[in-house]
Protein backbone atom coordinates (compact mmCIF):
# COMPACT_ATOMS: atom_id res chain seq x y z
CA MET A 1 -63.82 -13.75 91.60
CA PRO A 2 -66.77 -16.24 91.37
CA VAL A 3 -65.94 -19.56 92.94
CA PRO A 4 -65.21 -22.16 90.19
CA VAL A 5 -67.99 -24.66 89.65
CA LEU A 6 -68.76 -27.83 87.80
CA LEU A 7 -71.75 -27.80 85.55
CA THR A 8 -73.26 -31.01 84.33
CA GLY A 9 -75.89 -31.79 81.77
CA ARG A 10 -76.99 -34.84 79.67
CA SER A 11 -74.56 -34.71 76.83
CA VAL A 12 -71.93 -32.32 78.36
CA ARG A 13 -69.91 -31.49 81.37
CA LEU A 14 -68.17 -28.17 81.90
CA GLU A 15 -65.22 -28.78 84.23
CA PRO A 16 -63.11 -25.91 85.69
CA LEU A 17 -60.17 -25.71 83.19
CA ALA A 18 -56.95 -27.09 84.64
CA MET A 19 -53.47 -28.14 83.29
CA ARG A 20 -54.65 -31.68 83.37
CA HIS A 21 -56.74 -31.02 80.47
CA ALA A 22 -53.77 -29.96 78.31
CA GLU A 23 -53.24 -33.28 76.30
CA ALA A 24 -57.00 -33.71 75.62
CA LEU A 25 -57.48 -30.12 74.76
CA ALA A 26 -54.61 -30.23 72.23
CA ARG A 27 -56.16 -33.35 70.52
CA ALA A 28 -59.49 -31.57 70.39
CA GLY A 29 -58.06 -28.46 68.78
CA GLY A 30 -55.85 -30.20 66.25
CA ALA A 31 -58.48 -32.66 64.97
CA ASP A 32 -60.19 -30.26 62.41
CA ARG A 33 -59.06 -26.52 62.34
CA SER A 34 -61.23 -25.64 59.38
CA ALA A 35 -63.70 -23.51 61.49
CA TYR A 36 -61.14 -21.65 63.70
CA ALA A 37 -60.58 -18.53 61.43
CA PHE A 38 -62.08 -16.32 63.97
CA THR A 39 -61.26 -18.08 67.31
CA PRO A 40 -57.96 -18.81 69.07
CA VAL A 41 -57.68 -22.45 69.46
CA PRO A 42 -54.64 -24.25 70.77
CA ASP A 43 -52.80 -26.30 68.18
CA GLY A 44 -50.40 -28.85 69.88
CA LEU A 45 -49.44 -29.73 73.36
CA GLU A 46 -47.25 -26.66 74.03
CA SER A 47 -49.97 -24.27 72.69
CA ALA A 48 -52.57 -25.97 74.84
CA LEU A 49 -50.29 -25.54 78.08
CA ASP A 50 -49.98 -21.88 77.19
CA TYR A 51 -53.62 -21.54 76.37
CA ILE A 52 -54.57 -22.97 79.89
CA ALA A 53 -51.90 -21.01 81.68
CA ARG A 54 -53.12 -17.69 80.30
CA ALA A 55 -56.72 -18.68 81.15
CA LEU A 56 -55.73 -19.57 84.75
CA ALA A 57 -53.84 -16.39 85.15
CA ASP A 58 -56.95 -14.40 84.04
CA GLN A 59 -59.03 -16.42 86.41
CA ALA A 60 -56.51 -15.61 89.13
CA ALA A 61 -56.89 -11.94 88.34
CA GLY A 62 -60.72 -12.28 88.55
CA ARG A 63 -61.21 -11.54 84.70
CA CYS A 64 -62.63 -14.92 83.84
CA LEU A 65 -64.02 -18.38 84.81
CA PRO A 66 -62.79 -20.98 82.28
CA PHE A 67 -64.10 -24.43 81.47
CA ALA A 68 -63.14 -27.49 79.57
CA VAL A 69 -66.11 -28.93 77.61
CA VAL A 70 -66.40 -32.54 78.02
CA SER A 71 -68.60 -34.98 76.10
CA THR A 72 -70.41 -37.26 78.45
CA ALA A 73 -70.98 -39.89 75.90
CA ASP A 74 -67.34 -40.75 75.69
CA GLU A 75 -65.63 -38.51 78.35
CA ARG A 76 -63.58 -36.70 75.72
CA VAL A 77 -62.67 -32.96 75.97
CA VAL A 78 -64.25 -31.52 72.91
CA GLY A 79 -63.56 -27.71 73.38
CA SER A 80 -63.49 -24.84 75.92
CA THR A 81 -65.58 -21.91 76.89
CA ARG A 82 -65.60 -19.32 79.72
CA PHE A 83 -67.48 -16.60 81.66
CA LEU A 84 -65.59 -13.32 81.15
CA GLU A 85 -66.01 -9.58 81.33
CA LEU A 86 -67.40 -10.05 84.95
CA ASP A 87 -69.04 -6.84 86.38
CA TYR A 88 -70.32 -6.06 89.70
CA TRP A 89 -72.93 -3.49 90.61
CA ARG A 90 -73.64 -4.16 94.33
CA GLY A 91 -72.14 -2.20 97.34
CA PRO A 92 -71.69 1.49 97.66
CA LEU A 93 -71.93 3.72 94.44
CA VAL A 94 -68.44 4.53 93.33
CA TRP A 95 -67.99 7.17 90.47
CA PRO A 96 -66.56 6.75 88.04
CA PRO A 97 -67.20 3.07 88.23
CA VAL A 98 -64.26 0.58 88.25
CA PRO A 99 -65.27 -2.38 86.03
CA GLY A 100 -64.58 -5.93 87.31
CA MET A 101 -63.97 -4.71 90.97
CA PRO A 102 -66.40 -6.38 93.42
CA HIS A 103 -67.48 -4.94 96.72
CA GLY A 104 -66.57 -7.09 99.76
CA ASP A 105 -64.64 -10.34 99.77
CA PRO A 106 -63.46 -11.01 96.08
CA LEU A 107 -63.12 -14.60 96.70
CA THR A 108 -66.96 -14.96 97.10
CA ALA A 109 -67.97 -12.32 94.77
CA VAL A 110 -71.08 -12.73 92.46
CA PRO A 111 -71.17 -10.84 89.36
CA ASP A 112 -74.20 -8.77 88.13
CA ALA A 113 -73.35 -9.04 84.55
CA ALA A 114 -71.05 -11.30 82.58
CA GLU A 115 -70.13 -12.48 79.04
CA ILE A 116 -69.94 -15.97 77.62
CA GLY A 117 -67.14 -16.23 75.15
CA ASN A 118 -63.85 -17.72 74.03
CA THR A 119 -65.96 -20.65 72.97
CA TRP A 120 -64.73 -23.32 70.51
CA ILE A 121 -65.98 -26.86 69.81
CA ALA A 122 -64.08 -29.67 68.16
CA GLY A 123 -65.33 -30.51 64.58
CA ALA A 124 -66.62 -33.92 65.51
CA ALA A 125 -68.77 -32.38 68.28
CA ARG A 126 -70.41 -29.71 66.18
CA GLY A 127 -74.02 -30.21 65.46
CA THR A 128 -74.47 -32.81 68.27
CA GLY A 129 -76.19 -30.40 70.66
CA ILE A 130 -73.06 -30.01 72.98
CA ASN A 131 -72.62 -26.44 72.23
CA THR A 132 -76.44 -25.56 72.85
CA GLU A 133 -76.43 -27.53 76.31
CA ALA A 134 -73.18 -25.98 77.23
CA LYS A 135 -74.66 -22.48 76.68
CA TYR A 136 -77.86 -23.57 78.51
CA LEU A 137 -75.93 -24.62 81.73
CA MET A 138 -73.94 -21.34 81.68
CA PHE A 139 -77.09 -19.32 81.20
CA TRP A 140 -78.79 -21.31 84.01
CA HIS A 141 -76.03 -20.84 86.38
CA ALA A 142 -75.65 -17.11 85.63
CA PHE A 143 -79.32 -16.38 86.01
CA GLU A 144 -80.54 -18.93 88.56
CA VAL A 145 -77.52 -19.01 90.96
CA TRP A 146 -75.58 -15.70 90.54
CA GLY A 147 -78.76 -13.75 89.63
CA VAL A 148 -76.93 -11.64 86.92
CA ARG A 149 -78.94 -8.85 85.25
CA ARG A 150 -77.36 -9.59 81.80
CA ILE A 151 -75.37 -12.09 79.83
CA THR A 152 -73.44 -10.69 76.83
CA LEU A 153 -72.26 -12.72 73.80
CA ARG A 154 -70.27 -11.52 70.94
CA ALA A 155 -68.91 -12.54 67.62
CA ASP A 156 -66.79 -11.25 64.77
CA ALA A 157 -69.39 -9.88 62.31
CA ARG A 158 -67.93 -12.12 59.63
CA ASN A 159 -68.31 -15.20 61.70
CA THR A 160 -71.83 -16.30 60.19
CA ARG A 161 -71.84 -19.71 61.82
CA SER A 162 -71.27 -18.28 65.36
CA ARG A 163 -73.85 -15.45 64.94
CA ILE A 164 -76.54 -17.81 63.72
CA ALA A 165 -75.95 -20.16 66.66
CA ILE A 166 -76.19 -17.06 69.11
CA GLU A 167 -79.38 -15.95 67.38
CA ARG A 168 -80.95 -19.53 67.65
CA LEU A 169 -80.46 -19.22 71.41
CA GLY A 170 -82.77 -16.27 71.46
CA ALA A 171 -80.44 -13.68 72.27
CA THR A 172 -81.03 -10.14 71.12
CA CYS A 173 -78.65 -8.42 68.69
CA GLU A 174 -77.59 -4.89 70.09
CA GLY A 175 -75.90 -3.92 66.89
CA VAL A 176 -72.51 -4.14 65.31
CA ARG A 177 -69.73 -1.98 66.60
CA ARG A 178 -67.66 -0.98 63.67
CA ALA A 179 -63.78 -1.22 63.62
CA HIS A 180 -64.19 -2.67 67.13
CA SER A 181 -60.82 -4.69 67.40
CA ARG A 182 -58.17 -6.49 65.63
CA GLY A 183 -59.34 -10.04 64.49
CA LEU A 184 -57.34 -13.09 64.59
CA ASP A 185 -56.43 -12.73 60.97
CA GLY A 186 -54.86 -9.37 61.74
CA ALA A 187 -57.72 -7.43 60.06
CA VAL A 188 -59.61 -4.73 61.89
CA ARG A 189 -62.87 -6.35 62.59
CA ASP A 190 -66.54 -5.40 63.18
CA THR A 191 -67.99 -7.04 66.30
CA ALA A 192 -71.72 -7.92 66.67
CA PHE A 193 -73.01 -7.91 70.21
CA TYR A 194 -75.85 -9.78 71.58
CA SER A 195 -77.46 -10.08 75.04
CA VAL A 196 -79.96 -11.71 77.26
CA LEU A 197 -81.45 -9.91 80.07
CA ASP A 198 -82.83 -11.44 83.32
CA ASP A 199 -86.41 -10.83 82.47
CA GLU A 200 -85.89 -12.47 78.99
CA TRP A 201 -84.28 -15.42 80.53
CA PRO A 202 -87.56 -17.43 81.04
CA THR A 203 -88.36 -17.16 77.33
CA VAL A 204 -84.73 -17.93 76.24
CA ARG A 205 -84.81 -21.00 78.73
CA ASP A 206 -87.84 -22.25 77.05
CA ILE A 207 -86.43 -21.83 73.61
CA VAL A 208 -83.17 -23.60 74.47
CA GLU A 209 -84.97 -26.41 76.30
CA LEU A 210 -87.32 -26.95 73.37
CA ARG A 211 -84.25 -27.14 71.04
CA MET A 212 -82.41 -29.65 73.34
CA SER A 213 -85.62 -31.93 73.41
CA ALA A 214 -86.09 -31.92 69.67
CA PRO A 215 -84.82 -35.09 67.84
CA ARG A 216 -81.56 -34.61 66.16
CA GLN A 217 -80.60 -35.84 62.65
CA VAL A 218 -77.93 -38.34 62.46
CA ARG A 219 -74.85 -37.25 60.67
CA VAL A 220 -73.62 -39.91 58.23
CA PRO A 221 -69.91 -39.98 57.23
CA GLN A 222 -69.39 -38.95 53.67
CA ASP A 223 -67.74 -42.25 52.93
CA LEU A 224 -70.91 -44.13 53.72
CA LEU A 225 -73.28 -42.09 51.56
CA PRO A 226 -74.64 -43.77 48.38
CA ALA A 227 -73.00 -42.58 45.22
């Protein structure tokens, strides 16, 4: 499994997810649940503890590398994200391939491909640039440190908000896999798949850096708007 890492930017810090984040994660997940129709988000302390325990179990099994998303402006936990679907192509060729099984010491394994997913951001932090910079930090680490060949992203095909956000990063849509899995609402869902390849990363990096440098419109609370 890849070694857990702390990723720090200007507006966001991605900390290795730990049980100490449970209370803050519960607060973030419970503040505004209107946008969580397609994403599992903890609701309450007990749910947050279970969410973290499951993530850490998957991490111990080498299946993911989860983070708590922390706003550097006020040091609040505002969500979670993770690397998952880690795949390894180095070492002797084994056929048929065994996904997720690295060659050599698994404690220092570096993946050749990975997915960024299980991402959710609290309502108050949406539109602030935190999610964009979090993705940038993860892209940068994957391509510049690990040297991956591909990063995958996916979304429920009905999740327009998530798909627009992914497309604005410069990721390429590979298509929609029909009747791919069961959605959070119990319906059989179609899934839109996106990817960024290593030779596309410099272009995507420039796009995201330009977005992060652009001035942001200040969001005014509704009760302060003129009638």
